[in-house]
C-alpha atoms as a PDB file:
ATOM      1  CA  TYR A   1      64.033  -5.543 -18.263  1.00  0.00           C
ATOM      2  CA  LYS A   2      63.321  -1.923 -17.384  1.00  0.00           C
ATOM      3  CA  ARG A   3      59.743  -0.688 -17.100  1.00  0.00           C
ATOM      4  CA  GLN A   4      58.470   2.120 -19.298  1.00  0.00           C
ATOM      5  CA  LEU A   5      56.044   4.418 -17.488  1.00  0.00           C
ATOM      6  CA  ILE A   6      53.308   6.041 -19.538  1.00  0.00           C
ATOM      7  CA  THR A   7      50.860   8.643 -18.236  1.00  0.00           C
ATOM      8  CA  LEU A   8      47.442   8.297 -19.812  1.00  0.00           C
ATOM      9  CA  THR A   9      45.718  11.340 -21.249  1.00  0.00           C
ATOM     10  CA  LYS A  10      41.998  12.025 -21.533  1.00  0.00           C
ATOM     11  CA  GLY A  11      42.260  11.502 -25.316  1.00  0.00           C
ATOM     12  CA  ALA A  12      44.040   8.177 -24.840  1.00  0.00           C
ATOM     13  CA  ILE A  13      41.295   6.905 -22.534  1.00  0.00           C
ATOM     14  CA  LYS A  14      38.503   8.190 -24.783  1.00  0.00           C
ATOM     15  CA  ASN A  15      40.025   6.687 -27.925  1.00  0.00           C
ATOM     16  CA  GLY A  16      41.505   3.555 -26.342  1.00  0.00           C
ATOM     17  CA  TYR A  17      45.177   3.954 -27.197  1.00  0.00           C
ATOM     18  CA  ILE A  18      48.473   3.727 -25.333  1.00  0.00           C
ATOM     19  CA  ASN A  19      50.823   6.476 -26.509  1.00  0.00           C
ATOM     20  CA  LEU A  20      54.266   4.998 -27.199  1.00  0.00           C
ATOM     21  CA  ARG A  21      55.885   8.241 -28.376  1.00  0.00           C
ATOM     22  CA  GLY A  22      59.518   8.185 -27.266  1.00  0.00           C
ATOM     23  CA  ASN A  23      59.392   4.427 -26.699  1.00  0.00           C
ATOM     24  CA  LEU A  24      59.398   2.943 -30.220  1.00  0.00           C
ATOM     25  CA  ASP A  25      63.089   2.129 -29.865  1.00  0.00           C
ATOM     26  CA  LYS A  26      62.175  -0.410 -27.155  1.00  0.00           C
ATOM     27  CA  PHE A  27      60.546  -2.641 -29.787  1.00  0.00           C
ATOM     28  CA  GLU A  28      62.363  -4.669 -32.433  1.00  0.00           C
ATOM     29  CA  SER A  29      61.656  -3.316 -35.919  1.00  0.00           C
ATOM     30  CA  ARG A  30      59.788  -6.454 -36.996  1.00  0.00           C
ATOM     31  CA  TYR A  31      57.016  -5.593 -34.495  1.00  0.00           C
ATOM     32  CA  ILE A  32      56.558  -2.090 -35.911  1.00  0.00           C
ATOM     33  CA  GLY A  33      54.299  -1.487 -38.898  1.00  0.00           C
ATOM     34  CA  ALA A  34      52.958   1.505 -40.790  1.00  0.00           C
ATOM     35  CA  SER A  35      49.331   2.649 -40.896  1.00  0.00           C
ATOM     36  CA  GLY A  36      48.222   0.705 -44.003  1.00  0.00           C
ATOM     37  CA  LYS A  37      46.287  -2.555 -43.699  1.00  0.00           C
ATOM     38  CA  ASP A  38      49.018  -4.444 -45.530  1.00  0.00           C
ATOM     39  CA  GLN A  39      51.841  -2.828 -43.555  1.00  0.00           C
ATOM     40  CA  HIS A  40      51.424  -4.442 -40.147  1.00  0.00           C
ATOM     41  CA  GLY A  41      54.362  -5.658 -38.113  1.00  0.00           C
ATOM     42  CA  HIS A  42      54.638  -9.028 -36.385  1.00  0.00           C
ATOM     43  CA  MET A  43      52.338  -9.547 -33.411  1.00  0.00           C
ATOM     44  CA  LEU A  44      53.378  -8.799 -29.857  1.00  0.00           C
ATOM     45  CA  LEU A  45      51.604 -10.404 -26.913  1.00  0.00           C
ATOM     46  CA  LEU A  46      50.254  -7.784 -24.471  1.00  0.00           C
ATOM     47  CA  ASP A  47      49.497  -9.218 -21.031  1.00  0.00           C
ATOM     48  CA  ILE A  48      47.283  -7.255 -18.604  1.00  0.00           C
ATOM     49  CA  GLY A  49      47.258  -9.925 -15.899  1.00  0.00           C
ATOM     50  CA  ASP A  50      44.965 -12.742 -14.786  1.00  0.00           C
ATOM     51  CA  GLY A  51      45.509 -14.562 -18.076  1.00  0.00           C
ATOM     52  CA  GLU A  52      44.141 -11.725 -20.233  1.00  0.00           C
ATOM     53  CA  THR A  53      46.307 -11.208 -23.299  1.00  0.00           C
ATOM     54  CA  PHE A  54      45.959  -9.321 -26.552  1.00  0.00           C
ATOM     55  CA  GLY A  55      47.900  -9.466 -29.812  1.00  0.00           C
ATOM     56  CA  SER A  56      49.060  -6.242 -31.451  1.00  0.00           C
ATOM     57  CA  ASP A  57      51.819  -4.697 -33.463  1.00  0.00           C
ATOM     58  CA  VAL A  58      53.040  -1.118 -33.007  1.00  0.00           C
ATOM     59  CA  CYS A  59      51.860   1.483 -35.518  1.00  0.00           C
ATOM     60  CA  SER A  60      54.824   3.735 -36.293  1.00  0.00           C
ATOM     61  CA  THR A  61      52.615   6.411 -37.836  1.00  0.00           C
ATOM     62  CA  TYR A  62      50.668   7.052 -34.623  1.00  0.00           C
ATOM     63  CA  HIS A  63      53.175   5.685 -32.069  1.00  0.00           C
ATOM     64  CA  ARG A  64      50.711   3.345 -30.377  1.00  0.00           C
ATOM     65  CA  PHE A  65      49.622  -0.273 -30.242  1.00  0.00           C
ATOM     66  CA  ARG A  66      47.323  -0.948 -33.187  1.00  0.00           C
ATOM     67  CA  ASN A  67      44.960  -3.114 -31.127  1.00  0.00           C
ATOM     68  CA  ARG A  68      43.144  -0.798 -28.723  1.00  0.00           C
ATOM     69  CA  THR A  69      41.416  -3.572 -26.794  1.00  0.00           C
ATOM     70  CA  ALA A  70      44.147  -3.824 -24.140  1.00  0.00           C
ATOM     71  CA  LEU A  71      43.624  -0.283 -22.835  1.00  0.00           C
ATOM     72  CA  LYS A  72      39.847  -0.695 -22.905  1.00  0.00           C
ATOM     73  CA  ALA A  73      40.278  -3.853 -20.811  1.00  0.00           C
ATOM     74  CA  LEU A  74      42.570  -1.994 -18.364  1.00  0.00           C
ATOM     75  CA  VAL A  75      39.915   0.701 -17.979  1.00  0.00           C
ATOM     76  CA  GLN A  76      37.254  -1.916 -17.212  1.00  0.00           C
ATOM     77  CA  LYS A  77      39.444  -4.133 -15.035  1.00  0.00           C
ATOM     78  CA  TYR A  78      41.409  -1.568 -13.004  1.00  0.00           C
ATOM     79  CA  GLY A  79      39.482   1.666 -13.515  1.00  0.00           C
ATOM     80  CA  VAL A  80      42.430   3.495 -15.093  1.00  0.00           C
ATOM     81  CA  LYS A  81      41.632   7.088 -15.958  1.00  0.00           C
ATOM     82  CA  ALA A  82      43.281  10.176 -17.411  1.00  0.00           C
ATOM     83  CA  GLY A  83      46.342  11.118 -15.360  1.00  0.00           C
ATOM     84  CA  ASP A  84      47.015   7.552 -14.217  1.00  0.00           C
ATOM     85  CA  THR A  85      50.355   5.969 -14.996  1.00  0.00           C
ATOM     86  CA  ILE A  86      50.669   2.531 -16.496  1.00  0.00           C
ATOM     87  CA  SER A  87      53.743   0.344 -16.619  1.00  0.00           C
ATOM     88  CA  LEU A  88      54.879  -1.341 -19.799  1.00  0.00           C
ATOM     89  CA  LYS A  89      57.432  -4.080 -19.095  1.00  0.00           C
ATOM     90  CA  LYS A  90      59.228  -6.279 -21.588  1.00  0.00           C
ATOM     91  CA  LEU A  91      59.014  -9.923 -20.511  1.00  0.00           C
ATOM     92  CA  SER A  92      60.614 -11.246 -23.703  1.00  0.00           C
ATOM     93  CA  THR A  93      61.162  -9.943 -27.229  1.00  0.00           C
ATOM     94  CA  SER A  94      57.511 -10.443 -28.152  1.00  0.00           C
ATOM     95  CA  HIS A  95      55.773 -10.515 -24.746  1.00  0.00           C
ATOM     96  CA  TRP A  96      55.003  -7.361 -22.744  1.00  0.00           C
ATOM     97  CA  SER A  97      53.044  -6.791 -19.538  1.00  0.00           C
ATOM     98  CA  ILE A  98      50.871  -3.727 -19.038  1.00  0.00           C
ATOM     99  CA  SER A  99      49.702  -2.799 -15.557  1.00  0.00           C
ATOM    100  CA  LYS A 100      48.407   0.130 -13.544  1.00  0.00           C
ATOM    101  CA  MET A 101      50.953   1.750 -11.230  1.00  0.00           C
END
């Protein structure tokens, strides 16, 4: 599967989100939900390496993973900062890896 490269902004780091704008078509529709509490999609598994994984769907309203813990963990683990590029790679339909480039 092809990697999606995403450059992190200062706002993304501060607020703990991975901007998926322009990449929603990479996810099957069942994994995409709206912003309401009862409108979540199915869970994806986000893998940041070393056995650390997080469950999240994709919020179509804001074009980002709903669970912000993965980016916070990347910041702590790898020191990612604004301007850095991360790689988002599909391992299977519901399993994605996220890593610092």
